[in-house]
PDB file of N, CA and C in Angstrom:
ATOM      1  N   MET A   1       1.019  -1.026  -0.096  1.00  0.00           N
ATOM      2  CA  MET A   1       0.192   0.051  -0.228  1.00  0.00           C
ATOM      3  C   MET A   1       0.989   1.282   0.163  1.00  0.00           C
ATOM      4  N   LYS A   2       0.779   2.294  -0.953  1.00  0.00           N
ATOM      5  CA  LYS A   2       1.606   3.520  -1.086  1.00  0.00           C
ATOM      6  C   LYS A   2       1.208   4.342   0.065  1.00  0.00           C
ATOM      7  N   LYS A   3       1.861   5.018   0.744  1.00  0.00           N
ATOM      8  CA  LYS A   3       1.885   5.983   1.662  1.00  0.00           C
ATOM      9  C   LYS A   3       1.690   7.281   0.943  1.00  0.00           C
ATOM     10  N   LYS A   4       0.485   8.069   1.059  1.00  0.00           N
ATOM     11  CA  LYS A   4       0.011   9.378   0.678  1.00  0.00           C
ATOM     12  C   LYS A   4       0.587  10.509   1.069  1.00  0.00           C
ATOM     13  N   ASP A   5       0.921  11.294   0.368  1.00  0.00           N
ATOM     14  CA  ASP A   5       1.234  12.706   1.027  1.00  0.00           C
ATOM     15  C   ASP A   5       0.091  13.148   1.996  1.00  0.00           C
ATOM     16  N   ALA A   6       0.968  13.935   3.074  1.00  0.00           N
ATOM     17  CA  ALA A   6      -0.270  14.452   4.203  1.00  0.00           C
ATOM     18  C   ALA A   6      -0.826  15.408   3.384  1.00  0.00           C
ATOM     19  N   PRO A   7      -2.311  15.722   3.537  1.00  0.00           N
ATOM     20  CA  PRO A   7      -2.961  16.780   2.760  1.00  0.00           C
ATOM     21  C   PRO A   7      -2.874  17.749   3.441  1.00  0.00           C
ATOM     22  N   THR A   8      -2.764  19.071   2.774  1.00  0.00           N
ATOM     23  CA  THR A   8      -2.524  20.384   2.871  1.00  0.00           C
ATOM     24  C   THR A   8      -3.492  20.779   3.767  1.00  0.00           C
ATOM     25  N   LYS A   9      -3.271  22.009   4.525  1.00  0.00           N
ATOM     26  CA  LYS A   9      -4.809  22.695   5.135  1.00  0.00           C
ATOM     27  C   LYS A   9      -5.466  23.462   3.755  1.00  0.00           C
ATOM     28  N   TYR A  10      -4.710  24.026   2.601  1.00  0.00           N
ATOM     29  CA  TYR A  10      -5.374  24.831   1.984  1.00  0.00           C
ATOM     30  C   TYR A  10      -4.995  23.815   0.461  1.00  0.00           C
ATOM     31  N   PRO A  11      -5.432  23.100   0.155  1.00  0.00           N
ATOM     32  CA  PRO A  11      -5.382  22.227  -0.813  1.00  0.00           C
ATOM     33  C   PRO A  11      -5.868  23.079  -2.521  1.00  0.00           C
ATOM     34  N   ILE A  12      -4.883  22.850  -3.418  1.00  0.00           N
ATOM     35  CA  ILE A  12      -4.868  23.392  -4.681  1.00  0.00           C
ATOM     36  C   ILE A  12      -5.903  23.106  -5.211  1.00  0.00           C
ATOM     37  N   ASP A  13      -6.962  23.943  -5.663  1.00  0.00           N
ATOM     38  CA  ASP A  13      -7.859  23.939  -6.548  1.00  0.00           C
ATOM     39  C   ASP A  13      -7.791  22.885  -7.682  1.00  0.00           C
ATOM     40  N   PRO A  14      -8.372  21.819  -7.798  1.00  0.00           N
ATOM     41  CA  PRO A  14      -8.011  20.855  -9.129  1.00  0.00           C
ATOM     42  C   PRO A  14      -8.371  21.610 -10.420  1.00  0.00           C
ATOM     43  N   GLN A  15      -9.246  22.429 -10.491  1.00  0.00           N
ATOM     44  CA  GLN A  15      -9.593  23.338 -11.762  1.00  0.00           C
ATOM     45  C   GLN A  15      -8.734  24.381 -11.959  1.00  0.00           C
ATOM     46  N   ALA A  16      -8.240  24.852 -10.843  1.00  0.00           N
ATOM     47  CA  ALA A  16      -7.150  25.946 -10.922  1.00  0.00           C
ATOM     48  C   ALA A  16      -5.885  25.493 -11.402  1.00  0.00           C
ATOM     49  N   THR A  17      -5.064  26.613 -12.074  1.00  0.00           N
ATOM     50  CA  THR A  17      -3.696  26.291 -12.551  1.00  0.00           C
ATOM     51  C   THR A  17      -2.689  26.524 -11.530  1.00  0.00           C
ATOM     52  N   ARG A  18      -3.073  27.326 -10.224  1.00  0.00           N
ATOM     53  CA  ARG A  18      -2.149  27.960  -9.442  1.00  0.00           C
ATOM     54  C   ARG A  18      -3.074  27.833  -7.990  1.00  0.00           C
ATOM     55  N   PRO A  19      -2.280  27.735  -6.888  1.00  0.00           N
ATOM     56  CA  PRO A  19      -3.025  28.095  -5.794  1.00  0.00           C
ATOM     57  C   PRO A  19      -3.695  29.532  -5.744  1.00  0.00           C
ATOM     58  N   ALA A  20      -4.656  29.505  -4.962  1.00  0.00           N
ATOM     59  CA  ALA A  20      -5.333  31.207  -4.957  1.00  0.00           C
ATOM     60  C   ALA A  20      -4.495  32.023  -4.597  1.00  0.00           C
ATOM     61  N   VAL A  21      -3.289  31.649  -3.390  1.00  0.00           N
ATOM     62  CA  VAL A  21      -2.488  32.767  -3.118  1.00  0.00           C
ATOM     63  C   VAL A  21      -1.673  33.140  -4.091  1.00  0.00           C
ATOM     64  N   LEU A  22      -1.133  32.317  -5.333  1.00  0.00           N
ATOM     65  CA  LEU A  22      -0.211  32.576  -6.058  1.00  0.00           C
ATOM     66  C   LEU A  22      -0.730  33.419  -7.464  1.00  0.00           C
ATOM     67  N   ARG A  23      -2.242  33.348  -7.230  1.00  0.00           N
ATOM     68  CA  ARG A  23      -2.805  34.272  -8.320  1.00  0.00           C
ATOM     69  C   ARG A  23      -2.765  35.634  -8.115  1.00  0.00           C
ATOM     70  N   GLU A  24      -2.548  35.937  -6.869  1.00  0.00           N
ATOM     71  CA  GLU A  24      -2.406  37.547  -6.237  1.00  0.00           C
ATOM     72  C   GLU A  24      -0.984  38.127  -6.211  1.00  0.00           C
ATOM     73  N   VAL A  25      -0.030  37.262  -6.701  1.00  0.00           N
ATOM     74  CA  VAL A  25       1.585  37.435  -6.492  1.00  0.00           C
ATOM     75  C   VAL A  25       1.639  38.046  -7.927  1.00  0.00           C
ATOM     76  N   ALA A  26       2.574  39.187  -7.856  1.00  0.00           N
ATOM     77  CA  ALA A  26       3.333  39.531  -9.095  1.00  0.00           C
ATOM     78  C   ALA A  26       4.734  39.693  -8.893  1.00  0.00           C
ATOM     79  N   SER A  27       5.659  39.349 -10.008  1.00  0.00           N
ATOM     80  CA  SER A  27       6.723  39.421  -9.877  1.00  0.00           C
ATOM     81  C   SER A  27       7.364  40.741 -10.314  1.00  0.00           C
ATOM     82  N   LEU A  28       8.009  41.361  -9.299  1.00  0.00           N
ATOM     83  CA  LEU A  28       8.732  42.929  -9.399  1.00  0.00           C
ATOM     84  C   LEU A  28      10.180  42.789  -9.052  1.00  0.00           C
ATOM     85  N   PRO A  29      10.710  43.754  -9.307  1.00  0.00           N
ATOM     86  CA  PRO A  29      12.284  43.742  -9.444  1.00  0.00           C
ATOM     87  C   PRO A  29      12.839  43.294  -7.997  1.00  0.00           C
ATOM     88  N   TRP A  30      12.106  43.487  -6.836  1.00  0.00           N
ATOM     89  CA  TRP A  30      12.565  43.363  -5.440  1.00  0.00           C
ATOM     90  C   TRP A  30      12.172  41.825  -5.129  1.00  0.00           C
ATOM     91  N   GLY A  31      11.489  41.067  -6.105  1.00  0.00           N
ATOM     92  CA  GLY A  31      11.178  39.629  -5.939  1.00  0.00           C
ATOM     93  C   GLY A  31       9.695  39.756  -5.879  1.00  0.00           C
ATOM     94  N   GLN A  32       9.006  38.453  -5.528  1.00  0.00           N
ATOM     95  CA  GLN A  32       7.413  38.006  -5.510  1.00  0.00           C
ATOM     96  C   GLN A  32       6.733  39.057  -4.537  1.00  0.00           C
ATOM     97  N   ALA A  33       6.041  39.784  -5.208  1.00  0.00           N
ATOM     98  CA  ALA A  33       5.163  40.794  -4.301  1.00  0.00           C
ATOM     99  C   ALA A  33       3.723  40.509  -4.082  1.00  0.00           C
ATOM    100  N   ILE A  34       3.144  40.590  -2.981  1.00  0.00           N
ATOM    101  CA  ILE A  34       1.860  40.678  -3.025  1.00  0.00           C
ATOM    102  C   ILE A  34       1.318  41.723  -2.435  1.00  0.00           C
ATOM    103  N   SER A  35      -0.134  42.418  -2.201  1.00  0.00           N
ATOM    104  CA  SER A  35      -0.482  43.345  -1.809  1.00  0.00           C
ATOM    105  C   SER A  35      -0.994  43.056  -0.161  1.00  0.00           C
ATOM    106  N   VAL A  36      -0.724  44.222   0.595  1.00  0.00           N
ATOM    107  CA  VAL A  36      -1.395  43.857   1.986  1.00  0.00           C
ATOM    108  C   VAL A  36      -2.671  43.253   1.952  1.00  0.00           C
ATOM    109  N   ARG A  37      -3.677  43.940   1.058  1.00  0.00           N
ATOM    110  CA  ARG A  37      -5.060  43.270   1.045  1.00  0.00           C
ATOM    111  C   ARG A  37      -5.146  41.795   0.688  1.00  0.00           C
ATOM    112  N   ALA A  38      -4.344  41.422  -0.332  1.00  0.00           N
ATOM    113  CA  ALA A  38      -4.254  39.676  -0.848  1.00  0.00           C
ATOM    114  C   ALA A  38      -3.901  39.357   0.403  1.00  0.00           C
ATOM    115  N   ALA A  39      -2.459  39.569   0.965  1.00  0.00           N
ATOM    116  CA  ALA A  39      -2.078  38.860   1.883  1.00  0.00           C
ATOM    117  C   ALA A  39      -2.890  38.911   3.507  1.00  0.00           C
ATOM    118  N   LYS A  40      -3.617  39.593   3.798  1.00  0.00           N
ATOM    119  CA  LYS A  40      -4.514  39.386   4.553  1.00  0.00           C
ATOM    120  C   LYS A  40      -5.446  38.139   4.458  1.00  0.00           C
ATOM    121  N   ALA A  41      -6.306  38.491   3.233  1.00  0.00           N
ATOM    122  CA  ALA A  41      -7.158  37.740   2.965  1.00  0.00           C
ATOM    123  C   ALA A  41      -6.663  36.257   2.973  1.00  0.00           C
ATOM    124  N   HIS A  42      -5.577  35.921   2.590  1.00  0.00           N
ATOM    125  CA  HIS A  42      -4.929  34.579   2.100  1.00  0.00           C
ATOM    126  C   HIS A  42      -3.768  34.262   3.073  1.00  0.00           C
ATOM    127  N   LEU A  43      -3.461  34.775   4.560  1.00  0.00           N
ATOM    128  CA  LEU A  43      -2.471  34.505   5.149  1.00  0.00           C
ATOM    129  C   LEU A  43      -2.046  33.367   5.597  1.00  0.00           C
ATOM    130  N   SER A  44      -3.306  32.780   6.109  1.00  0.00           N
ATOM    131  CA  SER A  44      -2.908  30.979   6.314  1.00  0.00           C
ATOM    132  C   SER A  44      -2.345  30.203   5.125  1.00  0.00           C
ATOM    133  N   GLY A  45      -2.887  30.875   4.030  1.00  0.00           N
ATOM    134  CA  GLY A  45      -2.320  29.905   3.024  1.00  0.00           C
ATOM    135  C   GLY A  45      -0.961  30.358   2.681  1.00  0.00           C
ATOM    136  N   LEU A  46      -0.403  31.578   2.604  1.00  0.00           N
ATOM    137  CA  LEU A  46       0.743  32.395   2.239  1.00  0.00           C
ATOM    138  C   LEU A  46       1.685  31.828   3.027  1.00  0.00           C
ATOM    139  N   LEU A  47       1.282  31.635   4.548  1.00  0.00           N
ATOM    140  CA  LEU A  47       2.395  31.236   5.512  1.00  0.00           C
ATOM    141  C   LEU A  47       2.454  29.830   5.152  1.00  0.00           C
ATOM    142  N   GLU A  48       1.764  28.912   4.576  1.00  0.00           N
ATOM    143  CA  GLU A  48       2.031  27.553   4.873  1.00  0.00           C
ATOM    144  C   GLU A  48       2.692  27.373   3.215  1.00  0.00           C
ATOM    145  N   LEU A  49       2.180  28.158   2.051  1.00  0.00           N
ATOM    146  CA  LEU A  49       3.202  28.087   1.132  1.00  0.00           C
ATOM    147  C   LEU A  49       4.864  28.277   1.304  1.00  0.00           C
ATOM    148  N   VAL A  50       4.972  29.645   2.158  1.00  0.00           N
ATOM    149  CA  VAL A  50       6.363  30.092   2.319  1.00  0.00           C
ATOM    150  C   VAL A  50       7.064  28.728   3.219  1.00  0.00           C
ATOM    151  N   ALA A  51       6.427  28.292   4.102  1.00  0.00           N
ATOM    152  CA  ALA A  51       7.254  27.095   5.009  1.00  0.00           C
ATOM    153  C   ALA A  51       7.294  26.021   3.937  1.00  0.00           C
ATOM    154  N   ARG A  52       6.322  25.555   3.444  1.00  0.00           N
ATOM    155  CA  ARG A  52       6.628  24.656   2.642  1.00  0.00           C
ATOM    156  C   ARG A  52       7.490  24.263   1.570  1.00  0.00           C
ATOM    157  N   THR A  53       7.229  25.691   0.645  1.00  0.00           N
ATOM    158  CA  THR A  53       8.610  25.543  -0.292  1.00  0.00           C
ATOM    159  C   THR A  53       9.423  26.747  -0.213  1.00  0.00           C
ATOM    160  N   GLY A  54       9.706  27.386   1.151  1.00  0.00           N
ATOM    161  CA  GLY A  54      10.882  28.427   1.011  1.00  0.00           C
ATOM    162  C   GLY A  54      10.993  29.507   0.341  1.00  0.00           C
ATOM    163  N   ARG A  55       9.681  29.780  -0.495  1.00  0.00           N
ATOM    164  CA  ARG A  55       9.785  30.773  -1.099  1.00  0.00           C
ATOM    165  C   ARG A  55       9.662  32.178  -0.193  1.00  0.00           C
ATOM    166  N   GLU A  56       9.874  33.491  -0.572  1.00  0.00           N
ATOM    167  CA  GLU A  56       9.672  34.676  -0.034  1.00  0.00           C
ATOM    168  C   GLU A  56       8.639  35.252  -0.679  1.00  0.00           C
ATOM    169  N   PHE A  57       8.084  36.206  -0.081  1.00  0.00           N
ATOM    170  CA  PHE A  57       7.369  37.272  -0.490  1.00  0.00           C
ATOM    171  C   PHE A  57       7.451  38.795  -0.208  1.00  0.00           C
ATOM    172  N   VAL A  58       7.608  39.463  -0.756  1.00  0.00           N
ATOM    173  CA  VAL A  58       7.260  40.707  -0.343  1.00  0.00           C
ATOM    174  C   VAL A  58       5.987  41.523  -0.170  1.00  0.00           C
ATOM    175  N   ILE A  59       5.740  42.068   1.036  1.00  0.00           N
ATOM    176  CA  ILE A  59       4.288  42.225   1.044  1.00  0.00           C
ATOM    177  C   ILE A  59       4.072  44.257   1.073  1.00  0.00           C
ATOM    178  N   THR A  60       3.412  44.608  -0.097  1.00  0.00           N
ATOM    179  CA  THR A  60       3.547  45.697  -0.826  1.00  0.00           C
ATOM    180  C   THR A  60       1.994  46.815  -0.333  1.00  0.00           C
ATOM    181  N   SER A  61       2.116  47.982   0.003  1.00  0.00           N
ATOM    182  CA  SER A  61       0.829  48.646  -0.158  1.00  0.00           C
ATOM    183  C   SER A  61       1.234  49.981  -0.611  1.00  0.00           C
ATOM    184  N   ASP A  62       0.181  50.363  -1.725  1.00  0.00           N
ATOM    185  CA  ASP A  62       0.389  51.665  -2.417  1.00  0.00           C
ATOM    186  C   ASP A  62       1.400  51.038  -3.253  1.00  0.00           C
ATOM    187  N   GLY A  63       1.715  49.853  -4.062  1.00  0.00           N
ATOM    188  CA  GLY A  63       2.582  49.543  -4.825  1.00  0.00           C
ATOM    189  C   GLY A  63       4.113  49.529  -4.199  1.00  0.00           C
ATOM    190  N   LYS A  64       4.303  49.844  -3.014  1.00  0.00           N
ATOM    191  CA  LYS A  64       5.645  50.090  -2.083  1.00  0.00           C
ATOM    192  C   LYS A  64       6.194  48.952  -1.582  1.00  0.00           C
ATOM    193  N   PRO A  65       7.333  48.297  -1.190  1.00  0.00           N
ATOM    194  CA  PRO A  65       7.369  47.281  -0.492  1.00  0.00           C
ATOM    195  C   PRO A  65       7.291  47.678   1.122  1.00  0.00           C
ATOM    196  N   LYS A  66       6.617  46.942   1.774  1.00  0.00           N
ATOM    197  CA  LYS A  66       6.847  47.504   3.216  1.00  0.00           C
ATOM    198  C   LYS A  66       7.283  46.433   4.238  1.00  0.00           C
ATOM    199  N   ALA A  67       6.756  44.951   3.831  1.00  0.00           N
ATOM    200  CA  ALA A  67       7.502  44.023   4.869  1.00  0.00           C
ATOM    201  C   ALA A  67       7.849  42.514   3.943  1.00  0.00           C
ATOM    202  N   LYS A  68       8.524  41.662   4.408  1.00  0.00           N
ATOM    203  CA  LYS A  68       9.031  40.457   3.743  1.00  0.00           C
ATOM    204  C   LYS A  68       8.444  39.364   4.731  1.00  0.00           C
ATOM    205  N   VAL A  69       7.814  38.515   3.797  1.00  0.00           N
ATOM    206  CA  VAL A  69       7.622  37.180   4.582  1.00  0.00           C
ATOM    207  C   VAL A  69       8.609  36.018   4.195  1.00  0.00           C
ATOM    208  N   VAL A  70       9.329  35.619   5.006  1.00  0.00           N
ATOM    209  CA  VAL A  70      10.477  34.580   4.698  1.00  0.00           C
ATOM    210  C   VAL A  70      10.161  33.446   5.660  1.00  0.00           C
ATOM    211  N   PRO A  71      10.750  32.063   5.129  1.00  0.00           N
ATOM    212  CA  PRO A  71      10.927  31.060   6.147  1.00  0.00           C
ATOM    213  C   PRO A  71      11.540  31.076   7.514  1.00  0.00           C
ATOM    214  N   MET A  72      11.049  30.450   8.407  1.00  0.00           N
ATOM    215  CA  MET A  72      12.172  30.268   9.631  1.00  0.00           C
ATOM    216  C   MET A  72      13.114  29.413   9.368  1.00  0.00           C
ATOM    217  N   THR A  73      14.115  29.889   9.796  1.00  0.00           N
ATOM    218  CA  THR A  73      15.306  29.210   9.931  1.00  0.00           C
ATOM    219  C   THR A  73      15.984  28.848  11.152  1.00  0.00           C
ATOM    220  N   ALA A  74      16.911  28.217  11.734  1.00  0.00           N
ATOM    221  CA  ALA A  74      17.518  28.020  12.798  1.00  0.00           C
ATOM    222  C   ALA A  74      17.929  29.154  13.435  1.00  0.00           C
ATOM    223  N   GLN A  75      17.748  29.668  14.679  1.00  0.00           N
ATOM    224  CA  GLN A  75      18.239  30.964  14.955  1.00  0.00           C
ATOM    225  C   GLN A  75      19.969  30.428  15.161  1.00  0.00           C
ATOM    226  N   PRO A  76      20.508  31.554  14.901  1.00  0.00           N
ATOM    227  CA  PRO A  76      22.151  31.324  14.900  1.00  0.00           C
ATOM    228  C   PRO A  76      22.359  31.417  16.503  1.00  0.00           C
ATOM    229  N   THR A  77      23.247  30.590  16.778  1.00  0.00           N
ATOM    230  CA  THR A  77      23.619  30.845  18.352  1.00  0.00           C
ATOM    231  C   THR A  77      24.766  31.828  18.664  1.00  0.00           C
ATOM    232  N   ARG A  78      24.609  32.332  19.362  1.00  0.00           N
ATOM    233  CA  ARG A  78      25.920  33.383  19.711  1.00  0.00           C
ATOM    234  C   ARG A  78      26.719  32.929  20.709  1.00  0.00           C
ATOM    235  N   LYS A  79      27.861  33.134  20.074  1.00  0.00           N
ATOM    236  CA  LYS A  79      29.183  32.751  21.514  1.00  0.00           C
ATOM    237  C   LYS A  79      29.327  33.755  22.140  1.00  0.00           C
ATOM    238  N   PRO A  80      29.432  33.599  23.170  1.00  0.00           N
ATOM    239  CA  PRO A  80      30.192  35.153  24.814  1.00  0.00           C
ATOM    240  C   PRO A  80      31.332  35.279  23.765  1.00  0.00           C
ATOM    241  N   TRP A  81      31.821  36.530  24.029  1.00  0.00           N
ATOM    242  CA  TRP A  81      32.823  37.532  23.920  1.00  0.00           C
ATOM    243  C   TRP A  81      33.897  36.596  24.758  1.00  0.00           C
ATOM    244  N   PRO A  82      35.124  35.983  24.105  1.00  0.00           N
ATOM    245  CA  PRO A  82      35.792  35.184  24.445  1.00  0.00           C
ATOM    246  C   PRO A  82      36.879  35.750  25.184  1.00  0.00           C
ATOM    247  N   GLY A  83      37.017  36.911  25.839  1.00  0.00           N
ATOM    248  CA  GLY A  83      37.826  37.816  26.702  1.00  0.00           C
ATOM    249  C   GLY A  83      36.682  38.337  27.706  1.00  0.00           C
ATOM    250  N   ALA A  84      35.474  38.237  27.757  1.00  0.00           N
ATOM    251  CA  ALA A  84      34.642  38.864  28.860  1.00  0.00           C
ATOM    252  C   ALA A  84      35.014  38.503  30.315  1.00  0.00           C
ATOM    253  N   ALA A  85      35.435  37.254  30.543  1.00  0.00           N
ATOM    254  CA  ALA A  85      36.098  37.116  31.923  1.00  0.00           C
ATOM    255  C   ALA A  85      37.333  37.826  31.985  1.00  0.00           C
ATOM    256  N   GLU A  86      37.937  37.577  31.240  1.00  0.00           N
ATOM    257  CA  GLU A  86      39.725  38.306  31.566  1.00  0.00           C
ATOM    258  C   GLU A  86      39.654  40.002  31.921  1.00  0.00           C
ATOM    259  N   HIS A  87      38.681  40.342  31.069  1.00  0.00           N
ATOM    260  CA  HIS A  87      38.244  41.757  30.849  1.00  0.00           C
ATOM    261  C   HIS A  87      37.679  42.133  32.348  1.00  0.00           C
ATOM    262  N   LEU A  88      36.765  41.494  32.839  1.00  0.00           N
ATOM    263  CA  LEU A  88      35.828  41.482  34.029  1.00  0.00           C
ATOM    264  C   LEU A  88      36.863  41.493  35.357  1.00  0.00           C
ATOM    265  N   LYS A  89      37.903  40.947  35.109  1.00  0.00           N
ATOM    266  CA  LYS A  89      38.927  40.560  36.270  1.00  0.00           C
ATOM    267  C   LYS A  89      40.103  41.558  36.581  1.00  0.00           C
ATOM    268  N   THR A  90      39.935  42.564  35.416  1.00  0.00           N
ATOM    269  CA  THR A  90      40.767  43.613  35.325  1.00  0.00           C
ATOM    270  C   THR A  90      40.049  44.849  35.884  1.00  0.00           C
ATOM    271  N   ILE A  91      38.838  44.774  36.046  1.00  0.00           N
ATOM    272  CA  ILE A  91      38.093  46.010  36.357  1.00  0.00           C
ATOM    273  C   ILE A  91      38.455  46.093  37.913  1.00  0.00           C
ATOM    274  N   PRO A  92      38.929  46.896  38.584  1.00  0.00           N
ATOM    275  CA  PRO A  92      38.675  47.234  40.123  1.00  0.00           C
ATOM    276  C   PRO A  92      37.820  47.508  40.475  1.00  0.00           C
ATOM    277  N   LEU A  93      37.780  46.313  42.079  1.00  0.00           N
ATOM    278  CA  LEU A  93      36.243  46.597  42.672  1.00  0.00           C
ATOM    279  C   LEU A  93      36.361  47.874  43.437  1.00  0.00           C
ATOM    280  N   ARG A  94      35.402  48.656  43.719  1.00  0.00           N
ATOM    281  CA  ARG A  94      35.311  50.054  43.920  1.00  0.00           C
ATOM    282  C   ARG A  94      34.606  49.905  45.459  1.00  0.00           C
ATOM    283  N   PRO A  95      35.393  50.206  46.520  1.00  0.00           N
ATOM    284  CA  PRO A  95      34.564  50.018  48.014  1.00  0.00           C
ATOM    285  C   PRO A  95      33.309  50.986  47.886  1.00  0.00           C
ATOM    286  N   GLY A  96      32.519  50.783  49.021  1.00  0.00           N
ATOM    287  CA  GLY A  96      31.405  51.270  48.971  1.00  0.00           C
ATOM    288  C   GLY A  96      30.232  50.712  49.596  1.00  0.00           C
ATOM    289  N   PRO A  97      28.973  51.389  49.805  1.00  0.00           N
ATOM    290  CA  PRO A  97      27.775  50.618  50.085  1.00  0.00           C
ATOM    291  C   PRO A  97      27.077  49.753  49.165  1.00  0.00           C
ATOM    292  N   THR A  98      26.643  48.515  49.882  1.00  0.00           N
ATOM    293  CA  THR A  98      25.802  47.644  49.199  1.00  0.00           C
ATOM    294  C   THR A  98      24.646  48.317  48.300  1.00  0.00           C
ATOM    295  N   ALA A  99      23.757  47.600  47.535  1.00  0.00           N
ATOM    296  CA  ALA A  99      22.844  48.012  46.936  1.00  0.00           C
ATOM    297  C   ALA A  99      21.467  48.219  47.955  1.00  0.00           C
ATOM    298  N   GLU A 100      21.603  47.009  49.145  1.00  0.00           N
ATOM    299  CA  GLU A 100      20.696  47.119  49.667  1.00  0.00           C
ATOM    300  C   GLU A 100      20.543  48.347  50.885  1.00  0.00           C
ATOM    301  N   GLU A 101      22.026  48.499  51.234  1.00  0.00           N
ATOM    302  CA  GLU A 101      22.537  49.835  51.784  1.00  0.00           C
ATOM    303  C   GLU A 101      21.465  51.160  51.072  1.00  0.00           C
ATOM    304  N   LEU A 102      21.735  51.179  50.310  1.00  0.00           N
ATOM    305  CA  LEU A 102      21.726  52.496  49.316  1.00  0.00           C
ATOM    306  C   LEU A 102      20.346  52.587  49.424  1.00  0.00           C
ATOM    307  N   ILE A 103      19.334  51.479  49.268  1.00  0.00           N
ATOM    308  CA  ILE A 103      17.938  51.637  48.972  1.00  0.00           C
ATOM    309  C   ILE A 103      17.465  51.929  50.404  1.00  0.00           C
ATOM    310  N   ARG A 104      17.967  51.349  51.682  1.00  0.00           N
ATOM    311  CA  ARG A 104      17.413  51.490  52.949  1.00  0.00           C
ATOM    312  C   ARG A 104      17.731  53.155  53.299  1.00  0.00           C
ATOM    313  N   THR A 105      18.871  53.448  52.662  1.00  0.00           N
ATOM    314  CA  THR A 105      19.194  55.167  53.301  1.00  0.00           C
ATOM    315  C   THR A 105      18.366  55.825  52.517  1.00  0.00           C
ATOM    316  N   ASP A 106      17.887  55.508  51.123  1.00  0.00           N
ATOM    317  CA  ASP A 106      16.911  56.175  50.139  1.00  0.00           C
ATOM    318  C   ASP A 106      15.598  56.145  51.001  1.00  0.00           C
ATOM    319  N   ARG A 107      15.050  55.040  51.377  1.00  0.00           N
ATOM    320  CA  ARG A 107      13.822  54.928  51.865  1.00  0.00           C
ATOM    321  C   ARG A 107      13.746  55.549  53.268  1.00  0.00           C
ATOM    322  N   ASP A 108      14.662  55.675  54.081  1.00  0.00           N
ATOM    323  CA  ASP A 108      14.704  56.463  55.225  1.00  0.00           C
ATOM    324  C   ASP A 108      14.675  57.572  55.166  1.00  0.00           C
ATOM    325  N   GLY A 109      15.485  58.129  53.945  1.00  0.00           N
ATOM    326  CA  GLY A 109      15.046  59.639  53.795  1.00  0.00           C
ATOM    327  C   GLY A 109      13.806  60.317  53.262  1.00  0.00           C
ATOM    328  N   ARG A 110      13.113  59.158  52.947  1.00  0.00           N
ATOM    329  CA  ARG A 110      11.846  59.469  52.354  1.00  0.00           C
ATOM    330  C   ARG A 110      10.600  59.373  53.498  1.00  0.00           C
ATOM    331  N   GLY A 111      11.137  58.741  54.364  1.00  0.00           N
ATOM    332  CA  GLY A 111      10.058  58.477  55.669  1.00  0.00           C
ATOM    333  C   GLY A 111       9.494  57.366  55.427  1.00  0.00           C
ATOM    334  N   TRP A 112       9.523  56.385  54.623  1.00  0.00           N
ATOM    335  CA  TRP A 112       8.817  55.146  54.428  1.00  0.00           C
ATOM    336  C   TRP A 112       9.192  54.351  55.567  1.00  0.00           C
TER     337      TRP A 112
END
């Protein structure tokens, strides 16, 4: 028995030549563009299309690019600066009141 592909939430209409979302897309110099009105009307389908195919879309308003919808990728991990520990060791400690003492003095001065 053949394993069928998982059905998509927004299947392509068999009579249509393209998915409903793609009918609203235009190719412009900055990439595939969709108007904000069409993006709002087809947001779930647009997001599924981006996630499934990896395509990117520019959302336009009044014919001007406003935002870009791109697929999520793994977030890069940030490495701590290797010299941070050594740098902190070079900073001299200044003697003085603790934070608790400063707060208590401030509160006592206000009469709390």
